[in-house]
Amino acid sequence: MKLKKWINQCSNRTWFCALGVSAILISNISFGIHYLTTEKKVLTCKAIPLETGYGYIIGTHKQDTLIYQPYIPAVEQRMPFKTVNSALAVASEVCRKIEKTGSATITKAEVLDILSKH
């Protein structure tokens, strides 16, 4: 009963303002949650020339370097990639893994499989 009496005392303008403010707050919160959960972290993969071959850099869309890899990862020797394409192929796989799992780990078998195709 008290709520009904209070509602009757409030003007339509007050209710309209309260409803509008509530709608704005809810939409801003919804957009914020949507933005935080769907924003993609864009990574860039670039081949870098070295004296005896190629390496790669993985960076963010803000040009921050996350990984500088002058040698073929997961192999025993410090050996650069022979071609730009092979460096980019391995870098792309590492980028895919980072985006999917958050880890930049790549195995020797995965590297050798990629290199056999390029």
N, C-alpha and C. Protein backbone atom coordinates (compact mmCIF):
# COMPACT_ATOMS: atom_id res chain seq x y z
N MET A 1 0.82 -1.20 0.00
CA MET A 1 0.00 0.00 0.00
C MET A 1 0.86 1.26 0.00
N LYS A 2 1.94 1.26 0.79
CA LYS A 2 2.77 2.44 0.85
C LYS A 2 3.43 2.72 -0.50
N LEU A 3 3.82 1.66 -1.21
CA LEU A 3 4.45 1.82 -2.51
C LEU A 3 3.48 2.45 -3.49
N LYS A 4 2.23 1.99 -3.48
CA LYS A 4 1.22 2.56 -4.37
C LYS A 4 1.00 4.04 -4.09
N LYS A 5 0.98 4.40 -2.83
CA LYS A 5 0.78 5.79 -2.45
C LYS A 5 1.96 6.64 -2.91
N TRP A 6 3.18 6.08 -2.76
CA TRP A 6 4.37 6.83 -3.17
C TRP A 6 4.41 7.00 -4.69
N ILE A 7 4.02 5.93 -5.41
CA ILE A 7 3.99 6.00 -6.87
C ILE A 7 3.00 7.06 -7.33
N ASN A 8 1.86 7.15 -6.69
CA ASN A 8 0.86 8.13 -7.06
C ASN A 8 1.33 9.55 -6.79
N GLN A 9 2.22 9.73 -5.80
CA GLN A 9 2.71 11.07 -5.48
C GLN A 9 3.79 11.54 -6.46
N CYS A 10 4.50 10.61 -7.07
CA CYS A 10 5.57 10.98 -8.02
C CYS A 10 4.94 11.40 -9.34
N SER A 11 5.56 12.36 -9.96
CA SER A 11 5.04 12.83 -11.25
C SER A 11 5.51 11.91 -12.37
N ASN A 12 4.83 12.00 -13.48
CA ASN A 12 5.21 11.21 -14.65
C ASN A 12 6.62 11.58 -15.13
N ARG A 13 6.97 12.83 -14.97
CA ARG A 13 8.29 13.32 -15.40
C ARG A 13 9.41 12.63 -14.60
N THR A 14 9.20 12.48 -13.32
CA THR A 14 10.19 11.82 -12.47
C THR A 14 10.36 10.37 -12.90
N TRP A 15 9.25 9.69 -13.16
CA TRP A 15 9.31 8.30 -13.60
C TRP A 15 10.01 8.18 -14.94
N PHE A 16 9.71 9.10 -15.83
CA PHE A 16 10.33 9.07 -17.16
C PHE A 16 11.84 9.26 -17.04
N CYS A 17 12.28 10.19 -16.20
CA CYS A 17 13.72 10.42 -15.99
C CYS A 17 14.39 9.20 -15.36
N ALA A 18 13.77 8.63 -14.37
CA ALA A 18 14.33 7.45 -13.71
C ALA A 18 14.44 6.28 -14.69
N LEU A 19 13.43 6.09 -15.49
CA LEU A 19 13.44 5.03 -16.48
C LEU A 19 14.54 5.27 -17.52
N GLY A 20 14.68 6.50 -17.96
CA GLY A 20 15.72 6.84 -18.94
C GLY A 20 17.12 6.61 -18.39
N VAL A 21 17.37 7.05 -17.17
CA VAL A 21 18.68 6.86 -16.55
C VAL A 21 18.97 5.37 -16.39
N SER A 22 17.98 4.60 -15.98
CA SER A 22 18.16 3.16 -15.82
C SER A 22 18.49 2.50 -17.16
N ALA A 23 17.80 2.89 -18.20
CA ALA A 23 18.04 2.32 -19.52
C ALA A 23 19.46 2.64 -20.00
N ILE A 24 19.91 3.85 -19.77
CA ILE A 24 21.27 4.24 -20.17
C ILE A 24 22.30 3.43 -19.40
N LEU A 25 22.12 3.30 -18.10
CA LEU A 25 23.06 2.52 -17.29
C LEU A 25 23.12 1.06 -17.74
N ILE A 26 21.97 0.47 -17.97
CA ILE A 26 21.94 -0.93 -18.39
C ILE A 26 22.59 -1.11 -19.75
N SER A 27 22.34 -0.20 -20.69
CA SER A 27 22.95 -0.34 -22.01
C SER A 27 24.46 -0.15 -21.95
N ASN A 28 24.93 0.78 -21.12
CA ASN A 28 26.38 0.99 -20.99
C ASN A 28 27.05 -0.23 -20.35
N ILE A 29 26.44 -0.81 -19.36
CA ILE A 29 27.00 -2.00 -18.73
C ILE A 29 27.01 -3.16 -19.73
N SER A 30 25.93 -3.34 -20.46
CA SER A 30 25.86 -4.41 -21.46
C SER A 30 26.93 -4.24 -22.53
N PHE A 31 27.10 -3.03 -23.02
CA PHE A 31 28.12 -2.77 -24.05
C PHE A 31 29.51 -3.04 -23.49
N GLY A 32 29.77 -2.62 -22.26
CA GLY A 32 31.07 -2.84 -21.65
C GLY A 32 31.40 -4.31 -21.52
N ILE A 33 30.43 -5.10 -21.07
CA ILE A 33 30.64 -6.54 -20.94
C ILE A 33 30.86 -7.16 -22.32
N HIS A 34 30.06 -6.77 -23.29
CA HIS A 34 30.21 -7.29 -24.66
C HIS A 34 31.59 -6.94 -25.21
N TYR A 35 32.03 -5.70 -25.03
CA TYR A 35 33.33 -5.25 -25.55
C TYR A 35 34.47 -6.03 -24.89
N LEU A 36 34.40 -6.21 -23.59
CA LEU A 36 35.47 -6.91 -22.89
C LEU A 36 35.55 -8.39 -23.25
N THR A 37 34.43 -8.99 -23.54
CA THR A 37 34.43 -10.43 -23.82
C THR A 37 34.64 -10.76 -25.29
N THR A 38 34.44 -9.80 -26.20
CA THR A 38 34.58 -10.11 -27.62
C THR A 38 35.76 -9.40 -28.28
N GLU A 39 36.43 -8.52 -27.59
CA GLU A 39 37.55 -7.81 -28.21
C GLU A 39 38.64 -8.81 -28.56
N LYS A 40 39.06 -8.79 -29.80
CA LYS A 40 40.12 -9.68 -30.26
C LYS A 40 41.46 -8.99 -30.07
N LYS A 41 42.41 -9.75 -29.61
CA LYS A 41 43.76 -9.23 -29.51
C LYS A 41 44.43 -9.48 -30.85
N VAL A 42 44.67 -8.42 -31.59
CA VAL A 42 45.22 -8.56 -32.92
C VAL A 42 46.74 -8.65 -32.82
N LEU A 43 47.27 -9.75 -33.33
CA LEU A 43 48.71 -9.95 -33.35
C LEU A 43 49.21 -9.80 -34.78
N THR A 44 50.43 -9.32 -34.92
CA THR A 44 51.04 -9.19 -36.23
C THR A 44 52.27 -10.10 -36.29
N CYS A 45 52.48 -10.70 -37.44
CA CYS A 45 53.64 -11.56 -37.66
C CYS A 45 54.44 -10.95 -38.81
N LYS A 46 55.71 -10.71 -38.56
CA LYS A 46 56.57 -10.13 -39.59
C LYS A 46 57.86 -10.92 -39.68
N ALA A 47 58.27 -11.21 -40.91
CA ALA A 47 59.57 -11.85 -41.12
C ALA A 47 60.64 -10.77 -41.03
N ILE A 48 61.78 -11.15 -40.47
CA ILE A 48 62.90 -10.21 -40.37
C ILE A 48 64.13 -10.81 -41.05
N PRO A 49 64.79 -10.02 -41.90
CA PRO A 49 65.99 -10.54 -42.55
C PRO A 49 67.16 -10.56 -41.57
N LEU A 50 67.94 -11.63 -41.65
CA LEU A 50 69.15 -11.77 -40.84
C LEU A 50 70.33 -11.98 -41.81
N GLU A 51 71.50 -12.06 -41.29
CA GLU A 51 72.67 -12.24 -42.16
C GLU A 51 72.62 -13.54 -42.94
N THR A 52 72.14 -14.60 -42.32
CA THR A 52 72.17 -15.91 -42.96
C THR A 52 70.79 -16.52 -43.19
N GLY A 53 69.74 -15.74 -43.13
CA GLY A 53 68.39 -16.26 -43.34
C GLY A 53 67.35 -15.29 -42.81
N TYR A 54 66.31 -15.85 -42.19
CA TYR A 54 65.19 -15.04 -41.70
C TYR A 54 64.76 -15.50 -40.31
N GLY A 55 64.17 -14.58 -39.58
CA GLY A 55 63.54 -14.86 -38.31
C GLY A 55 62.16 -14.23 -38.35
N TYR A 56 61.54 -14.08 -37.19
CA TYR A 56 60.24 -13.41 -37.16
C TYR A 56 60.04 -12.65 -35.87
N ILE A 57 59.13 -11.69 -35.96
CA ILE A 57 58.69 -10.91 -34.80
C ILE A 57 57.18 -11.04 -34.72
N ILE A 58 56.68 -11.31 -33.52
CA ILE A 58 55.24 -11.29 -33.27
C ILE A 58 54.99 -10.09 -32.36
N GLY A 59 54.08 -9.23 -32.80
CA GLY A 59 53.79 -8.03 -32.04
C GLY A 59 52.31 -7.80 -31.89
N THR A 60 51.96 -6.77 -31.14
CA THR A 60 50.56 -6.40 -30.95
C THR A 60 50.17 -5.35 -31.97
N HIS A 61 48.86 -5.06 -32.01
CA HIS A 61 48.38 -4.03 -32.93
C HIS A 61 48.93 -2.66 -32.56
N LYS A 62 49.46 -2.53 -31.35
CA LYS A 62 50.07 -1.27 -30.91
C LYS A 62 51.56 -1.24 -31.21
N GLN A 63 52.03 -2.21 -31.98
CA GLN A 63 53.43 -2.32 -32.39
C GLN A 63 54.38 -2.71 -31.25
N ASP A 64 53.87 -3.27 -30.16
CA ASP A 64 54.72 -3.78 -29.09
C ASP A 64 55.21 -5.17 -29.49
N THR A 65 56.49 -5.43 -29.34
CA THR A 65 57.05 -6.74 -29.66
C THR A 65 56.80 -7.71 -28.51
N LEU A 66 56.14 -8.81 -28.83
CA LEU A 66 55.91 -9.87 -27.84
C LEU A 66 57.00 -10.93 -27.95
N ILE A 67 57.34 -11.30 -29.19
CA ILE A 67 58.32 -12.35 -29.42
C ILE A 67 59.28 -11.91 -30.52
N TYR A 68 60.56 -12.00 -30.24
CA TYR A 68 61.60 -11.81 -31.25
C TYR A 68 62.28 -13.17 -31.41
N GLN A 69 62.11 -13.79 -32.58
CA GLN A 69 62.61 -15.14 -32.79
C GLN A 69 63.55 -15.16 -34.00
N PRO A 70 64.87 -15.03 -33.76
CA PRO A 70 65.81 -15.02 -34.89
C PRO A 70 66.15 -16.42 -35.41
N TYR A 71 65.79 -17.47 -34.67
CA TYR A 71 66.12 -18.84 -35.06
C TYR A 71 64.86 -19.70 -35.11
N ILE A 72 64.97 -20.83 -35.78
CA ILE A 72 63.86 -21.78 -35.82
C ILE A 72 63.63 -22.30 -34.40
N PRO A 73 62.43 -22.14 -33.87
CA PRO A 73 62.18 -22.58 -32.49
C PRO A 73 62.09 -24.11 -32.38
N ALA A 74 62.39 -24.62 -31.20
CA ALA A 74 62.21 -26.03 -30.83
C ALA A 74 63.20 -26.99 -31.49
N VAL A 75 64.19 -26.48 -32.19
CA VAL A 75 65.22 -27.36 -32.74
C VAL A 75 66.52 -27.13 -31.96
N GLU A 76 67.41 -28.11 -32.02
CA GLU A 76 68.62 -28.07 -31.19
C GLU A 76 69.60 -26.97 -31.61
N GLN A 77 69.69 -26.72 -32.89
CA GLN A 77 70.69 -25.77 -33.40
C GLN A 77 70.11 -24.36 -33.50
N ARG A 78 71.00 -23.38 -33.42
CA ARG A 78 70.59 -21.99 -33.66
C ARG A 78 70.69 -21.75 -35.16
N MET A 79 69.57 -21.99 -35.83
CA MET A 79 69.55 -21.92 -37.27
C MET A 79 68.40 -21.02 -37.72
N PRO A 80 68.69 -20.01 -38.53
CA PRO A 80 67.60 -19.16 -39.02
C PRO A 80 66.78 -19.90 -40.09
N PHE A 81 65.61 -19.36 -40.38
CA PHE A 81 64.78 -19.91 -41.44
C PHE A 81 65.45 -19.62 -42.79
N LYS A 82 65.25 -20.52 -43.74
CA LYS A 82 65.85 -20.34 -45.06
C LYS A 82 65.07 -19.37 -45.93
N THR A 83 63.74 -19.30 -45.71
CA THR A 83 62.90 -18.43 -46.55
C THR A 83 61.97 -17.57 -45.69
N VAL A 84 61.52 -16.50 -46.30
CA VAL A 84 60.53 -15.63 -45.65
C VAL A 84 59.25 -16.42 -45.38
N ASN A 85 58.83 -17.21 -46.36
CA ASN A 85 57.58 -17.98 -46.22
C ASN A 85 57.63 -18.97 -45.06
N SER A 86 58.77 -19.63 -44.88
CA SER A 86 58.85 -20.59 -43.78
C SER A 86 58.83 -19.87 -42.43
N ALA A 87 59.49 -18.72 -42.34
CA ALA A 87 59.46 -17.94 -41.10
C ALA A 87 58.04 -17.47 -40.79
N LEU A 88 57.34 -16.99 -41.81
CA LEU A 88 55.97 -16.51 -41.61
C LEU A 88 55.00 -17.65 -41.29
N ALA A 89 55.24 -18.82 -41.87
CA ALA A 89 54.35 -19.96 -41.60
C ALA A 89 54.44 -20.38 -40.13
N VAL A 90 55.65 -20.46 -39.61
CA VAL A 90 55.81 -20.83 -38.19
C VAL A 90 55.29 -19.70 -37.30
N ALA A 91 55.58 -18.46 -37.66
CA ALA A 91 55.08 -17.32 -36.87
C ALA A 91 53.56 -17.31 -36.83
N SER A 92 52.94 -17.61 -37.96
CA SER A 92 51.46 -17.64 -38.01
C SER A 92 50.89 -18.71 -37.09
N GLU A 93 51.55 -19.87 -37.05
CA GLU A 93 51.10 -20.94 -36.16
C GLU A 93 51.25 -20.52 -34.69
N VAL A 94 52.35 -19.87 -34.38
CA VAL A 94 52.55 -19.40 -33.00
C VAL A 94 51.48 -18.35 -32.66
N CYS A 95 51.20 -17.44 -33.59
CA CYS A 95 50.14 -16.44 -33.35
C CYS A 95 48.80 -17.12 -33.11
N ARG A 96 48.49 -18.12 -33.92
CA ARG A 96 47.22 -18.84 -33.76
C ARG A 96 47.14 -19.48 -32.38
N LYS A 97 48.24 -20.07 -31.94
CA LYS A 97 48.26 -20.72 -30.63
C LYS A 97 48.11 -19.70 -29.50
N ILE A 98 48.76 -18.55 -29.63
CA ILE A 98 48.62 -17.52 -28.61
C ILE A 98 47.18 -17.07 -28.50
N GLU A 99 46.54 -16.81 -29.65
CA GLU A 99 45.16 -16.34 -29.64
C GLU A 99 44.19 -17.41 -29.13
N LYS A 100 44.49 -18.69 -29.40
CA LYS A 100 43.59 -19.77 -28.98
C LYS A 100 43.80 -20.18 -27.53
N THR A 101 45.08 -20.34 -27.13
CA THR A 101 45.36 -20.88 -25.80
C THR A 101 46.09 -19.93 -24.86
N GLY A 102 46.65 -18.85 -25.41
CA GLY A 102 47.42 -17.94 -24.59
C GLY A 102 48.87 -18.36 -24.44
N SER A 103 49.25 -19.47 -25.07
CA SER A 103 50.61 -19.98 -24.97
C SER A 103 51.30 -19.92 -26.32
N ALA A 104 52.59 -19.57 -26.31
CA ALA A 104 53.37 -19.49 -27.54
C ALA A 104 54.19 -20.75 -27.77
N THR A 105 53.90 -21.79 -27.05
CA THR A 105 54.67 -23.03 -27.15
C THR A 105 54.39 -23.74 -28.47
N ILE A 106 55.47 -24.13 -29.15
CA ILE A 106 55.35 -24.91 -30.37
C ILE A 106 56.36 -26.06 -30.28
N THR A 107 55.95 -27.23 -30.70
CA THR A 107 56.81 -28.40 -30.57
C THR A 107 57.70 -28.56 -31.79
N LYS A 108 58.73 -29.35 -31.63
CA LYS A 108 59.64 -29.65 -32.73
C LYS A 108 58.88 -30.31 -33.87
N ALA A 109 58.00 -31.25 -33.55
CA ALA A 109 57.21 -31.95 -34.57
C ALA A 109 56.34 -30.97 -35.36
N GLU A 110 55.72 -30.01 -34.67
CA GLU A 110 54.90 -29.02 -35.35
C GLU A 110 55.74 -28.15 -36.28
N VAL A 111 56.91 -27.74 -35.80
CA VAL A 111 57.80 -26.91 -36.62
C VAL A 111 58.25 -27.68 -37.85
N LEU A 112 58.68 -28.91 -37.67
CA LEU A 112 59.16 -29.71 -38.79
C LEU A 112 58.04 -29.98 -39.80
N ASP A 113 56.81 -30.18 -39.32
CA ASP A 113 55.67 -30.36 -40.20
C ASP A 113 55.42 -29.11 -41.04
N ILE A 114 55.46 -27.96 -40.41
CA ILE A 114 55.25 -26.70 -41.13
C ILE A 114 56.36 -26.48 -42.15
N LEU A 115 57.60 -26.71 -41.75
CA LEU A 115 58.73 -26.50 -42.65
C LEU A 115 58.71 -27.46 -43.83
N SER A 116 58.18 -28.66 -43.65
CA SER A 116 58.11 -29.62 -44.76
C SER A 116 57.14 -29.17 -45.83
N LYS A 117 56.20 -28.28 -45.46
CA LYS A 117 55.20 -27.79 -46.42
C LYS A 117 55.63 -26.49 -47.10
N HIS A 118 56.71 -25.90 -46.61
CA HIS A 118 57.14 -24.61 -47.18
C HIS A 118 58.56 -24.70 -47.67
